[in-house]
């Protein structure tokens, strides 16, 4: 599947962004312009079943990675992915051939027990979204409502196929965690560090770090942009 994309900037380097479950490429709108300002052409995808991309017949990280590879430019300078998007990026990395990768609070370990509860988020009201994400800008709440309207809830089945804690990184890689992270607990973060992953935490930020604390997210990328 050829995926829908959103582009910021026109710099000589390329950065690709991969969002998490339920949302779409608009989730990066508060940090993508700053990344573009560092000399990048920033290309953000809508994964299958999200945003302007159509639904998929199969939702697994490997299947989504194949669509990612059909869409993204070859050998980007930087790849940044969040949550489920990080599991997808992990599958794509051997063929994507990016120079370096950043995984934002990646969904590698914790498989949710109640997929029906996740599917029900499709019908969340603005008040419920605000209560769940008190630190988000109002524009992000509006963007999330629009994302949920086009989101295919069947995509939550991808969360049954998370890869587990990876071994050594395929490319120089930063894992940027929420503070504290429910996806990568401290013992697992230490294990990643021992395996050659660079690990940093944005203290006080929730799972969607780049929306909870855009400034903290960008500070966490120091030396990687």
N, C-alpha and C. Protein backbone atom coordinates (compact mmCIF):
# COMPACT_ATOMS: atom_id res chain seq x y z
N UNK A 1 0.83 -1.19 0.00
CA UNK A 1 0.00 0.00 0.00
C UNK A 1 0.88 1.25 0.00
N UNK A 2 0.55 2.20 -0.86
CA UNK A 2 1.22 3.49 -0.85
C UNK A 2 0.51 4.37 0.18
N UNK A 3 1.24 4.85 1.17
CA UNK A 3 0.64 5.55 2.30
C UNK A 3 0.55 7.05 2.06
N UNK A 4 -0.44 7.68 2.66
CA UNK A 4 -0.54 9.14 2.65
C UNK A 4 0.58 9.72 3.49
N UNK A 5 1.08 10.87 3.10
CA UNK A 5 2.17 11.53 3.83
C UNK A 5 1.87 13.00 4.02
N UNK A 6 2.55 13.58 4.98
CA UNK A 6 2.52 15.03 5.23
C UNK A 6 3.97 15.49 5.30
N UNK A 7 4.29 16.63 4.69
CA UNK A 7 5.67 17.07 4.55
C UNK A 7 5.84 18.46 5.14
N UNK A 8 6.95 18.63 5.87
CA UNK A 8 7.37 19.94 6.37
C UNK A 8 8.78 20.21 5.86
N UNK A 9 9.04 21.44 5.44
CA UNK A 9 10.39 21.85 5.12
C UNK A 9 10.90 21.30 3.79
N UNK A 10 12.08 21.73 3.42
CA UNK A 10 12.68 21.30 2.16
C UNK A 10 14.19 21.27 2.23
N UNK A 11 14.73 20.96 3.39
CA UNK A 11 16.17 20.96 3.59
C UNK A 11 16.88 19.85 2.84
N UNK A 12 18.19 19.86 2.84
CA UNK A 12 18.97 18.87 2.10
C UNK A 12 18.98 17.48 2.73
N UNK A 13 18.65 17.38 4.02
CA UNK A 13 18.58 16.09 4.68
C UNK A 13 17.12 15.64 4.80
N UNK A 14 16.90 14.34 5.03
CA UNK A 14 15.54 13.80 5.12
C UNK A 14 15.33 13.15 6.49
N UNK A 15 14.20 13.49 7.11
CA UNK A 15 13.76 12.84 8.34
C UNK A 15 12.38 12.24 8.10
N UNK A 16 12.17 11.01 8.54
CA UNK A 16 10.87 10.37 8.39
C UNK A 16 10.27 10.13 9.77
N UNK A 17 8.97 10.31 9.89
CA UNK A 17 8.27 10.22 11.16
C UNK A 17 7.15 9.19 11.05
N UNK A 18 7.04 8.33 12.07
CA UNK A 18 6.04 7.26 12.08
C UNK A 18 5.25 7.35 13.39
N UNK A 19 3.96 7.60 13.29
CA UNK A 19 3.11 7.81 14.47
C UNK A 19 2.72 6.50 15.14
N UNK A 20 2.04 6.61 16.27
CA UNK A 20 1.55 5.46 17.01
C UNK A 20 0.11 5.11 16.69
N UNK A 21 -0.45 4.18 17.45
CA UNK A 21 -1.81 3.69 17.23
C UNK A 21 -2.83 4.80 17.46
N UNK A 22 -3.90 4.79 16.68
CA UNK A 22 -5.09 5.64 16.78
C UNK A 22 -4.94 7.01 16.16
N UNK A 23 -3.75 7.52 16.03
CA UNK A 23 -3.56 8.89 15.59
C UNK A 23 -3.11 8.91 14.13
N UNK A 24 -2.46 9.96 13.68
CA UNK A 24 -1.96 10.03 12.31
C UNK A 24 -0.79 11.01 12.24
N UNK A 25 -0.39 11.38 11.05
CA UNK A 25 0.80 12.22 10.88
C UNK A 25 0.66 13.60 11.51
N UNK A 26 -0.59 14.04 11.75
CA UNK A 26 -0.78 15.34 12.40
C UNK A 26 -0.27 15.36 13.83
N UNK A 27 -0.04 14.18 14.41
CA UNK A 27 0.42 14.13 15.79
C UNK A 27 1.80 14.76 15.96
N UNK A 28 2.54 14.92 14.85
CA UNK A 28 3.89 15.50 14.91
C UNK A 28 3.90 17.01 14.68
N UNK A 29 2.75 17.62 14.54
CA UNK A 29 2.70 19.00 14.04
C UNK A 29 3.35 20.02 14.97
N UNK A 30 3.51 19.70 16.25
CA UNK A 30 4.12 20.66 17.17
C UNK A 30 5.64 20.53 17.26
N UNK A 31 6.19 19.47 16.66
CA UNK A 31 7.65 19.31 16.68
C UNK A 31 8.25 19.23 15.27
N UNK A 32 7.46 18.84 14.28
CA UNK A 32 7.99 18.69 12.92
C UNK A 32 8.57 19.99 12.37
N UNK A 33 7.93 21.16 12.57
CA UNK A 33 8.53 22.39 12.04
C UNK A 33 9.91 22.68 12.63
N UNK A 34 10.11 22.36 13.91
CA UNK A 34 11.42 22.57 14.53
C UNK A 34 12.46 21.63 13.94
N UNK A 35 12.06 20.38 13.65
CA UNK A 35 12.99 19.45 13.01
C UNK A 35 13.32 19.93 11.60
N UNK A 36 12.30 20.40 10.88
CA UNK A 36 12.54 20.95 9.54
C UNK A 36 13.48 22.14 9.60
N UNK A 37 13.37 22.93 10.66
CA UNK A 37 14.23 24.09 10.82
C UNK A 37 15.69 23.75 11.02
N UNK A 38 15.98 22.48 11.32
CA UNK A 38 17.37 22.03 11.44
C UNK A 38 17.96 21.57 10.10
N UNK A 39 17.24 21.83 9.01
CA UNK A 39 17.76 21.50 7.69
C UNK A 39 17.24 20.21 7.10
N UNK A 40 16.04 19.79 7.53
CA UNK A 40 15.46 18.55 7.04
C UNK A 40 14.23 18.80 6.18
N UNK A 41 14.04 17.89 5.24
CA UNK A 41 12.72 17.68 4.65
C UNK A 41 12.08 16.58 5.48
N UNK A 42 11.01 16.91 6.18
CA UNK A 42 10.38 15.99 7.12
C UNK A 42 9.17 15.34 6.46
N UNK A 43 9.18 14.02 6.40
CA UNK A 43 8.10 13.25 5.77
C UNK A 43 7.45 12.38 6.83
N UNK A 44 6.18 12.65 7.14
CA UNK A 44 5.44 11.87 8.13
C UNK A 44 4.36 11.06 7.42
N UNK A 45 4.26 9.79 7.76
CA UNK A 45 3.28 8.91 7.10
C UNK A 45 2.01 8.81 7.94
N UNK A 46 0.92 8.42 7.26
CA UNK A 46 -0.27 7.89 7.91
C UNK A 46 -0.22 6.38 7.73
N UNK A 47 -0.04 5.64 8.81
CA UNK A 47 -0.02 4.18 8.70
C UNK A 47 -1.35 3.65 8.17
N UNK A 48 -1.38 2.43 7.63
CA UNK A 48 -2.65 1.85 7.18
C UNK A 48 -3.70 1.88 8.29
N UNK A 49 -4.92 2.23 7.89
CA UNK A 49 -6.00 2.32 8.87
C UNK A 49 -5.98 3.58 9.69
N UNK A 50 -5.15 4.54 9.31
CA UNK A 50 -5.01 5.80 10.06
C UNK A 50 -4.99 6.96 9.06
N UNK A 51 -5.53 8.09 9.49
CA UNK A 51 -5.46 9.30 8.69
C UNK A 51 -6.05 9.10 7.30
N UNK A 52 -5.30 9.54 6.29
CA UNK A 52 -5.77 9.46 4.90
C UNK A 52 -5.37 8.17 4.21
N UNK A 53 -4.71 7.25 4.91
CA UNK A 53 -4.36 5.94 4.33
C UNK A 53 -5.51 4.97 4.55
N UNK A 54 -5.75 4.13 3.57
CA UNK A 54 -6.86 3.19 3.67
C UNK A 54 -6.60 2.07 4.65
N UNK A 55 -7.64 1.30 4.96
CA UNK A 55 -7.49 0.17 5.88
C UNK A 55 -6.66 -0.94 5.25
N UNK A 56 -6.11 -1.80 6.11
CA UNK A 56 -5.30 -2.93 5.66
C UNK A 56 -6.04 -4.23 5.92
N UNK A 57 -5.68 -5.26 5.17
CA UNK A 57 -6.26 -6.57 5.42
C UNK A 57 -5.62 -7.25 6.62
N UNK A 58 -4.35 -6.93 6.86
CA UNK A 58 -3.60 -7.52 7.97
C UNK A 58 -2.88 -6.42 8.73
N UNK A 59 -3.03 -6.44 10.05
CA UNK A 59 -2.34 -5.46 10.89
C UNK A 59 -1.33 -6.19 11.78
N UNK A 60 -0.09 -6.20 11.34
CA UNK A 60 1.03 -6.64 12.16
C UNK A 60 2.15 -5.66 11.91
N UNK A 61 3.10 -5.51 12.85
CA UNK A 61 4.23 -4.61 12.59
C UNK A 61 4.96 -4.94 11.29
N UNK A 62 5.11 -6.22 10.97
CA UNK A 62 5.82 -6.59 9.75
C UNK A 62 5.04 -6.16 8.51
N UNK A 63 3.73 -6.37 8.51
CA UNK A 63 2.91 -5.97 7.35
C UNK A 63 2.91 -4.46 7.19
N UNK A 64 2.79 -3.73 8.30
CA UNK A 64 2.81 -2.27 8.24
C UNK A 64 4.18 -1.77 7.78
N UNK A 65 5.24 -2.47 8.17
CA UNK A 65 6.59 -2.08 7.74
C UNK A 65 6.74 -2.19 6.23
N UNK A 66 6.11 -3.19 5.62
CA UNK A 66 6.19 -3.35 4.17
C UNK A 66 5.57 -2.14 3.47
N UNK A 67 4.44 -1.65 4.00
CA UNK A 67 3.82 -0.45 3.43
C UNK A 67 4.69 0.78 3.66
N UNK A 68 5.33 0.82 4.81
CA UNK A 68 6.24 1.93 5.11
C UNK A 68 7.37 1.98 4.07
N UNK A 69 7.93 0.83 3.77
CA UNK A 69 9.04 0.77 2.83
C UNK A 69 8.60 1.11 1.41
N UNK A 70 7.33 0.83 1.07
CA UNK A 70 6.81 1.19 -0.24
C UNK A 70 6.61 2.69 -0.40
N UNK A 71 6.61 3.42 0.72
CA UNK A 71 6.24 4.83 0.71
C UNK A 71 7.41 5.76 0.96
N UNK A 72 8.27 5.44 1.92
CA UNK A 72 9.28 6.39 2.37
C UNK A 72 10.46 6.48 1.40
N UNK A 73 11.12 7.64 1.37
CA UNK A 73 12.35 7.76 0.56
C UNK A 73 13.42 6.82 1.09
N UNK A 74 14.27 6.35 0.19
CA UNK A 74 15.31 5.41 0.59
C UNK A 74 16.41 6.11 1.39
N UNK A 75 16.96 5.38 2.34
CA UNK A 75 18.13 5.81 3.11
C UNK A 75 17.98 7.23 3.69
N UNK A 76 16.92 7.48 4.47
CA UNK A 76 16.80 8.79 5.09
C UNK A 76 17.90 9.02 6.13
N UNK A 77 18.17 10.28 6.39
CA UNK A 77 19.20 10.60 7.38
C UNK A 77 18.74 10.26 8.80
N UNK A 78 17.43 10.35 9.05
CA UNK A 78 16.90 10.17 10.40
C UNK A 78 15.50 9.58 10.32
N UNK A 79 15.20 8.64 11.22
CA UNK A 79 13.84 8.11 11.36
C UNK A 79 13.44 8.25 12.82
N UNK A 80 12.24 8.79 13.04
CA UNK A 80 11.70 8.95 14.39
C UNK A 80 10.34 8.27 14.43
N UNK A 81 10.11 7.44 15.43
CA UNK A 81 8.84 6.72 15.52
C UNK A 81 8.37 6.67 16.96
N UNK A 82 7.04 6.60 17.13
CA UNK A 82 6.43 6.61 18.46
C UNK A 82 5.58 5.36 18.66
N UNK A 83 5.69 4.76 19.83
CA UNK A 83 4.80 3.69 20.28
C UNK A 83 4.74 2.54 19.28
N UNK A 84 3.54 2.20 18.76
CA UNK A 84 3.44 1.15 17.76
C UNK A 84 4.30 1.47 16.55
N UNK A 85 4.40 2.75 16.19
CA UNK A 85 5.25 3.13 15.06
C UNK A 85 6.68 2.68 15.24
N UNK A 86 7.16 2.61 16.48
CA UNK A 86 8.52 2.14 16.73
C UNK A 86 8.66 0.64 16.45
N UNK A 87 7.61 -0.13 16.75
CA UNK A 87 7.64 -1.55 16.42
C UNK A 87 7.65 -1.74 14.91
N UNK A 88 6.91 -0.88 14.20
CA UNK A 88 6.89 -0.93 12.74
C UNK A 88 8.27 -0.54 12.19
N UNK A 89 8.83 0.54 12.73
CA UNK A 89 10.14 0.99 12.26
C UNK A 89 11.19 -0.07 12.52
N UNK A 90 11.12 -0.74 13.66
CA UNK A 90 12.10 -1.79 13.98
C UNK A 90 12.10 -2.87 12.90
N UNK A 91 10.91 -3.22 12.40
CA UNK A 91 10.81 -4.22 11.34
C UNK A 91 11.35 -3.69 10.01
N UNK A 92 11.21 -2.38 9.79
CA UNK A 92 11.61 -1.80 8.51
C UNK A 92 13.09 -1.46 8.42
N UNK A 93 13.75 -1.29 9.56
CA UNK A 93 15.11 -0.74 9.57
C UNK A 93 16.12 -1.48 8.68
N UNK A 94 16.12 -2.81 8.64
CA UNK A 94 17.14 -3.46 7.80
C UNK A 94 17.08 -3.04 6.33
N UNK A 95 15.88 -2.76 5.82
CA UNK A 95 15.74 -2.36 4.42
C UNK A 95 15.66 -0.85 4.25
N UNK A 96 15.24 -0.14 5.27
CA UNK A 96 15.10 1.32 5.16
C UNK A 96 16.47 1.99 5.04
N UNK A 97 17.47 1.43 5.74
CA UNK A 97 18.85 1.91 5.65
C UNK A 97 18.98 3.39 6.06
N UNK A 98 18.31 3.76 7.12
CA UNK A 98 18.46 5.13 7.63
C UNK A 98 19.78 5.24 8.39
N UNK A 99 20.27 6.47 8.52
CA UNK A 99 21.56 6.68 9.19
C UNK A 99 21.45 6.52 10.70
N UNK A 100 20.32 6.94 11.27
CA UNK A 100 20.10 6.81 12.71
C UNK A 100 18.60 6.83 12.98
N UNK A 101 18.24 6.30 14.14
CA UNK A 101 16.82 6.14 14.48
C UNK A 101 16.56 6.60 15.91
N UNK A 102 15.36 7.15 16.12
CA UNK A 102 14.93 7.57 17.44
C UNK A 102 13.58 6.91 17.71
N UNK A 103 13.48 6.20 18.82
CA UNK A 103 12.26 5.50 19.21
C UNK A 103 11.68 6.20 20.44
N UNK A 104 10.52 6.78 20.29
CA UNK A 104 9.89 7.55 21.35
C UNK A 104 8.90 6.68 22.12
N UNK A 105 9.23 6.38 23.38
CA UNK A 105 8.43 5.50 24.25
C UNK A 105 7.85 4.32 23.46
N UNK A 106 8.73 3.47 22.94
CA UNK A 106 8.30 2.45 21.97
C UNK A 106 7.42 1.36 22.58
N UNK A 107 6.47 0.88 21.78
CA UNK A 107 5.62 -0.25 22.17
C UNK A 107 6.31 -1.53 21.71
N UNK A 108 7.25 -2.00 22.52
CA UNK A 108 7.99 -3.22 22.20
C UNK A 108 7.63 -4.37 23.14
N UNK A 109 7.11 -4.05 24.32
CA UNK A 109 6.99 -5.07 25.36
C UNK A 109 5.57 -5.32 25.85
N UNK A 110 4.86 -4.27 26.18
CA UNK A 110 3.62 -4.42 26.94
C UNK A 110 2.42 -4.60 26.02
N UNK A 111 1.97 -5.82 25.88
CA UNK A 111 0.79 -6.10 25.07
C UNK A 111 -0.46 -5.83 25.90
N UNK A 112 -1.38 -4.99 25.41
CA UNK A 112 -2.58 -4.67 26.20
C UNK A 112 -3.48 -5.90 26.34
N UNK A 113 -4.10 -6.02 27.50
CA UNK A 113 -4.98 -7.16 27.74
C UNK A 113 -6.37 -6.94 27.18
N UNK A 114 -6.82 -5.69 27.14
CA UNK A 114 -8.20 -5.39 26.76
C UNK A 114 -8.21 -4.60 25.46
N UNK A 115 -8.22 -5.31 24.34
CA UNK A 115 -8.25 -4.62 23.05
C UNK A 115 -9.59 -3.94 22.80
N UNK A 116 -10.67 -4.47 23.40
CA UNK A 116 -11.98 -3.83 23.22
C UNK A 116 -11.99 -2.43 23.81
N UNK A 117 -11.30 -2.25 24.94
CA UNK A 117 -11.23 -0.91 25.54
C UNK A 117 -10.49 0.05 24.62
N UNK A 118 -9.45 -0.43 23.95
CA UNK A 118 -8.73 0.43 23.01
C UNK A 118 -9.61 0.77 21.80
N UNK A 119 -10.34 -0.21 21.30
CA UNK A 119 -11.24 0.06 20.17
C UNK A 119 -12.29 1.11 20.53
N UNK A 120 -12.73 1.10 21.78
CA UNK A 120 -13.77 2.03 22.22
C UNK A 120 -13.30 3.47 22.23
N UNK A 121 -11.99 3.70 22.24
CA UNK A 121 -11.47 5.07 22.21
C UNK A 121 -11.87 5.78 20.92
N UNK A 122 -12.21 5.02 19.89
CA UNK A 122 -12.70 5.58 18.64
C UNK A 122 -13.81 6.60 18.88
N UNK A 123 -14.61 6.36 19.91
CA UNK A 123 -15.79 7.19 20.17
C UNK A 123 -15.59 8.17 21.32
N UNK A 124 -14.35 8.42 21.70
CA UNK A 124 -14.06 9.34 22.80
C UNK A 124 -14.54 10.75 22.47
N UNK A 125 -15.10 11.41 23.46
CA UNK A 125 -15.53 12.80 23.30
C UNK A 125 -14.35 13.74 23.52
N UNK A 126 -14.55 14.99 23.14
CA UNK A 126 -13.50 15.98 23.37
C UNK A 126 -13.19 16.09 24.86
N UNK A 127 -14.20 16.04 25.69
CA UNK A 127 -13.97 16.13 27.13
C UNK A 127 -13.15 14.95 27.62
N UNK A 128 -13.44 13.76 27.12
CA UNK A 128 -12.68 12.57 27.52
C UNK A 128 -11.23 12.66 27.04
N UNK A 129 -11.02 13.16 25.84
CA UNK A 129 -9.65 13.32 25.34
C UNK A 129 -8.89 14.34 26.18
N UNK A 130 -9.54 15.43 26.54
CA UNK A 130 -8.89 16.45 27.37
C UNK A 130 -8.53 15.87 28.74
N UNK A 131 -9.42 15.08 29.32
CA UNK A 131 -9.14 14.48 30.63
C UNK A 131 -7.98 13.48 30.54
N UNK A 132 -7.89 12.77 29.42
CA UNK A 132 -6.82 11.78 29.26
C UNK A 132 -5.48 12.43 28.95
N UNK A 133 -5.52 13.64 28.37
CA UNK A 133 -4.29 14.30 27.93
C UNK A 133 -4.28 15.76 28.39
N UNK A 134 -4.16 15.99 29.69
CA UNK A 134 -4.29 17.36 30.21
C UNK A 134 -3.21 18.31 29.74
N UNK A 135 -2.06 17.81 29.28
CA UNK A 135 -0.96 18.68 28.89
C UNK A 135 -0.96 19.01 27.40
N UNK A 136 -1.84 18.40 26.65
CA UNK A 136 -1.85 18.63 25.21
C UNK A 136 -2.39 20.02 24.88
N UNK A 137 -1.88 20.61 23.81
CA UNK A 137 -2.41 21.84 23.27
C UNK A 137 -3.81 21.57 22.71
N UNK A 138 -4.68 22.59 22.73
CA UNK A 138 -6.04 22.41 22.20
C UNK A 138 -6.02 21.94 20.75
N UNK A 139 -5.05 22.41 19.98
CA UNK A 139 -4.96 21.98 18.58
C UNK A 139 -4.71 20.48 18.47
N UNK A 140 -3.97 19.92 19.44
CA UNK A 140 -3.73 18.48 19.42
C UNK A 140 -5.00 17.70 19.75
N UNK A 141 -5.81 18.23 20.64
CA UNK A 141 -7.09 17.57 20.95
C UNK A 141 -7.97 17.56 19.71
N UNK A 142 -8.04 18.69 19.02
CA UNK A 142 -8.83 18.76 17.78
C UNK A 142 -8.30 17.79 16.73
N UNK A 143 -6.96 17.76 16.56
CA UNK A 143 -6.35 16.85 15.59
C UNK A 143 -6.62 15.39 15.94
N UNK A 144 -6.62 15.07 17.24
CA UNK A 144 -6.87 13.69 17.65
C UNK A 144 -8.32 13.29 17.38
N UNK A 145 -9.27 14.20 17.59
CA UNK A 145 -10.65 13.92 17.26
C UNK A 145 -10.79 13.59 15.78
N UNK A 146 -10.13 14.36 14.94
CA UNK A 146 -10.19 14.11 13.50
C UNK A 146 -9.51 12.80 13.13
N UNK A 147 -8.41 12.49 13.82
CA UNK A 147 -7.72 11.22 13.56
C UNK A 147 -8.59 10.03 13.94
N UNK A 148 -9.29 10.13 15.07
CA UNK A 148 -10.15 9.03 15.50
C UNK A 148 -11.30 8.79 14.53
N UNK A 149 -11.74 9.85 13.87
CA UNK A 149 -12.86 9.72 12.93
C UNK A 149 -12.50 8.82 11.75
N UNK A 150 -11.23 8.79 11.35
CA UNK A 150 -10.82 7.98 10.20
C UNK A 150 -10.09 6.71 10.61
N UNK A 151 -9.80 6.55 11.90
CA UNK A 151 -9.03 5.41 12.39
C UNK A 151 -9.82 4.12 12.30
N UNK A 152 -9.16 3.05 11.83
CA UNK A 152 -9.75 1.71 11.80
C UNK A 152 -9.41 0.99 13.10
N UNK A 153 -10.40 0.77 13.98
CA UNK A 153 -10.11 0.13 15.28
C UNK A 153 -9.54 -1.28 15.15
N UNK A 154 -9.72 -1.92 13.98
CA UNK A 154 -9.15 -3.26 13.80
C UNK A 154 -7.63 -3.24 13.88
N UNK A 155 -7.04 -2.07 13.72
CA UNK A 155 -5.57 -1.97 13.75
C UNK A 155 -4.98 -2.30 15.11
N UNK A 156 -5.80 -2.32 16.17
CA UNK A 156 -5.26 -2.65 17.49
C UNK A 156 -4.73 -4.08 17.54
N UNK A 157 -5.13 -4.92 16.59
CA UNK A 157 -4.60 -6.29 16.58
C UNK A 157 -3.09 -6.32 16.38
N UNK A 158 -2.53 -5.24 15.81
CA UNK A 158 -1.07 -5.17 15.66
C UNK A 158 -0.37 -5.24 17.01
N UNK A 159 -1.04 -4.82 18.07
CA UNK A 159 -0.44 -4.82 19.39
C UNK A 159 -0.29 -6.22 19.98
N UNK A 160 -0.87 -7.21 19.31
CA UNK A 160 -0.66 -8.61 19.73
C UNK A 160 0.65 -9.17 19.21
N UNK A 161 1.34 -8.41 18.38
CA UNK A 161 2.52 -8.93 17.70
C UNK A 161 3.75 -8.05 17.95
N UNK A 162 3.84 -7.49 19.14
CA UNK A 162 4.97 -6.62 19.45
C UNK A 162 6.26 -7.45 19.51
N UNK A 163 7.39 -6.84 19.15
CA UNK A 163 8.62 -7.63 18.94
C UNK A 163 9.35 -8.05 20.20
N UNK A 164 9.04 -7.48 21.37
CA UNK A 164 9.86 -7.76 22.54
C UNK A 164 11.10 -6.88 22.56
N UNK A 165 11.87 -6.99 23.61
CA UNK A 165 13.06 -6.15 23.75
C UNK A 165 14.08 -6.53 22.69
N UNK A 166 14.46 -5.58 21.82
CA UNK A 166 15.39 -5.92 20.73
C UNK A 166 16.82 -6.11 21.23
N UNK A 167 17.62 -6.74 20.40
CA UNK A 167 19.04 -6.90 20.70
C UNK A 167 19.80 -5.64 20.29
N UNK A 168 21.00 -5.76 19.82
CA UNK A 168 21.78 -4.58 19.46
C UNK A 168 21.10 -3.81 18.33
N UNK A 169 21.18 -2.49 18.34
CA UNK A 169 20.50 -1.69 17.32
C UNK A 169 21.13 -1.88 15.94
N UNK A 170 20.27 -1.86 14.92
CA UNK A 170 20.74 -2.02 13.54
C UNK A 170 21.49 -0.78 13.06
N UNK A 171 21.11 0.38 13.60
CA UNK A 171 21.77 1.66 13.29
C UNK A 171 21.90 2.41 14.62
N UNK A 172 22.75 3.43 14.70
CA UNK A 172 22.81 4.22 15.94
C UNK A 172 21.41 4.67 16.34
N UNK A 173 21.01 4.36 17.56
CA UNK A 173 19.61 4.53 17.96
C UNK A 173 19.47 5.12 19.35
N UNK A 174 18.53 6.04 19.46
CA UNK A 174 18.16 6.65 20.74
C UNK A 174 16.76 6.18 21.12
N UNK A 175 16.59 5.77 22.37
CA UNK A 175 15.27 5.46 22.91
C UNK A 175 14.92 6.59 23.88
N UNK A 176 13.91 7.37 23.52
CA UNK A 176 13.49 8.52 24.32
C UNK A 176 12.21 8.15 25.06
N UNK A 177 12.31 8.05 26.37
CA UNK A 177 11.21 7.50 27.17
C UNK A 177 10.40 8.58 27.85
N UNK A 178 9.12 8.25 28.08
CA UNK A 178 8.30 9.04 28.98
C UNK A 178 8.89 8.92 30.38
N UNK A 179 8.53 9.86 31.24
CA UNK A 179 9.11 9.83 32.57
C UNK A 179 8.05 9.86 33.68
N UNK A 180 7.72 8.69 34.26
CA UNK A 180 8.25 7.36 33.97
C UNK A 180 7.52 6.70 32.79
N UNK A 181 8.14 5.66 32.23
CA UNK A 181 7.56 4.96 31.09
C UNK A 181 6.87 3.68 31.54
N UNK A 182 5.64 3.47 31.06
CA UNK A 182 4.96 2.21 31.29
C UNK A 182 5.34 1.17 30.24
N UNK A 183 5.86 1.63 29.10
CA UNK A 183 6.20 0.71 28.01
C UNK A 183 7.57 0.07 28.20
N UNK A 184 8.53 0.85 28.66
CA UNK A 184 9.89 0.33 28.89
C UNK A 184 10.27 0.64 30.34
N UNK A 185 9.98 -0.27 31.28
CA UNK A 185 10.30 -0.04 32.69
C UNK A 185 11.81 0.05 32.91
N UNK A 186 12.24 0.50 34.10
CA UNK A 186 13.67 0.74 34.35
C UNK A 186 14.58 -0.44 34.07
N UNK A 187 14.20 -1.64 34.46
CA UNK A 187 15.08 -2.79 34.25
C UNK A 187 15.30 -3.03 32.76
N UNK A 188 14.25 -2.87 31.97
CA UNK A 188 14.37 -3.06 30.53
C UNK A 188 15.16 -1.92 29.90
N UNK A 189 15.00 -0.70 30.41
CA UNK A 189 15.79 0.42 29.91
C UNK A 189 17.28 0.19 30.16
N UNK A 190 17.61 -0.34 31.33
CA UNK A 190 19.01 -0.67 31.64
C UNK A 190 19.54 -1.74 30.70
N UNK A 191 18.70 -2.74 30.41
CA UNK A 191 19.11 -3.80 29.49
C UNK A 191 19.39 -3.24 28.10
N UNK A 192 18.56 -2.30 27.65
CA UNK A 192 18.79 -1.67 26.35
C UNK A 192 20.13 -0.93 26.33
N UNK A 193 20.41 -0.19 27.40
CA UNK A 193 21.68 0.54 27.48
C UNK A 193 22.87 -0.40 27.37
N UNK A 194 22.77 -1.55 28.02
CA UNK A 194 23.86 -2.52 27.98
C UNK A 194 24.03 -3.13 26.59
N UNK A 195 22.96 -3.11 25.80
CA UNK A 195 23.01 -3.69 24.46
C UNK A 195 23.41 -2.67 23.39
N UNK A 196 23.72 -1.45 23.79
CA UNK A 196 24.20 -0.48 22.83
C UNK A 196 23.21 0.58 22.41
N UNK A 197 22.03 0.60 23.03
CA UNK A 197 21.04 1.63 22.75
C UNK A 197 21.32 2.83 23.65
N UNK A 198 21.18 4.03 23.12
CA UNK A 198 21.26 5.23 23.96
C UNK A 198 19.87 5.47 24.52
N UNK A 199 19.73 5.65 25.81
CA UNK A 199 18.43 5.81 26.46
C UNK A 199 18.38 7.13 27.21
N UNK A 200 17.35 7.90 26.97
CA UNK A 200 17.10 9.14 27.70
C UNK A 200 15.64 9.18 28.13
N UNK A 201 15.34 9.99 29.15
CA UNK A 201 13.98 10.13 29.67
C UNK A 201 13.60 11.60 29.70
N UNK A 202 12.36 11.89 29.33
CA UNK A 202 11.80 13.24 29.48
C UNK A 202 10.94 13.23 30.73
N UNK A 203 11.51 13.68 31.83
CA UNK A 203 10.84 13.59 33.13
C UNK A 203 9.50 14.31 33.11
N UNK A 204 8.48 13.62 33.64
CA UNK A 204 7.16 14.21 33.76
C UNK A 204 6.28 14.08 32.54
N UNK A 205 6.84 13.67 31.43
CA UNK A 205 6.06 13.54 30.20
C UNK A 205 5.35 12.19 30.18
N UNK A 206 4.15 12.18 29.62
CA UNK A 206 3.42 10.93 29.44
C UNK A 206 3.86 10.22 28.17
N UNK A 207 3.10 9.18 27.82
CA UNK A 207 3.48 8.29 26.72
C UNK A 207 3.71 9.04 25.41
N UNK A 208 2.84 9.98 25.08
CA UNK A 208 3.01 10.73 23.84
C UNK A 208 3.89 11.94 24.14
N UNK A 209 5.17 11.69 24.28
CA UNK A 209 6.11 12.70 24.78
C UNK A 209 6.09 13.96 23.94
N UNK A 210 6.05 13.81 22.62
CA UNK A 210 6.14 14.97 21.73
C UNK A 210 4.90 15.85 21.77
N UNK A 211 3.81 15.36 22.33
CA UNK A 211 2.62 16.19 22.52
C UNK A 211 2.51 16.68 23.97
N UNK A 212 2.91 15.86 24.90
CA UNK A 212 2.88 16.26 26.31
C UNK A 212 3.88 17.38 26.60
N UNK A 213 5.05 17.26 26.01
CA UNK A 213 6.14 18.21 26.29
C UNK A 213 6.99 18.38 25.04
N UNK A 214 6.51 19.17 24.06
CA UNK A 214 7.28 19.33 22.82
C UNK A 214 8.69 19.86 23.06
N UNK A 215 8.84 20.81 23.96
CA UNK A 215 10.17 21.36 24.24
C UNK A 215 11.07 20.29 24.86
N UNK A 216 10.53 19.51 25.79
CA UNK A 216 11.31 18.44 26.40
C UNK A 216 11.68 17.37 25.39
N UNK A 217 10.77 17.07 24.49
CA UNK A 217 11.04 16.11 23.42
C UNK A 217 12.22 16.58 22.56
N UNK A 218 12.16 17.83 22.12
CA UNK A 218 13.23 18.36 21.27
C UNK A 218 14.55 18.45 22.01
N UNK A 219 14.49 18.79 23.30
CA UNK A 219 15.72 18.81 24.09
C UNK A 219 16.30 17.40 24.21
N UNK A 220 15.43 16.42 24.32
CA UNK A 220 15.89 15.04 24.41
C UNK A 220 16.59 14.55 23.15
N UNK A 221 16.36 15.23 22.04
CA UNK A 221 16.99 14.85 20.78
C UNK A 221 18.32 15.55 20.54
N UNK A 222 18.79 16.30 21.53
CA UNK A 222 20.04 17.04 21.35
C UNK A 222 21.16 16.08 20.93
N UNK A 223 21.91 16.51 19.92
CA UNK A 223 22.98 15.69 19.39
C UNK A 223 22.54 14.67 18.37
N UNK A 224 21.25 14.53 18.14
CA UNK A 224 20.75 13.53 17.20
C UNK A 224 20.10 14.13 15.98
N UNK A 225 19.87 15.43 15.96
CA UNK A 225 19.20 16.06 14.81
C UNK A 225 20.23 16.59 13.81
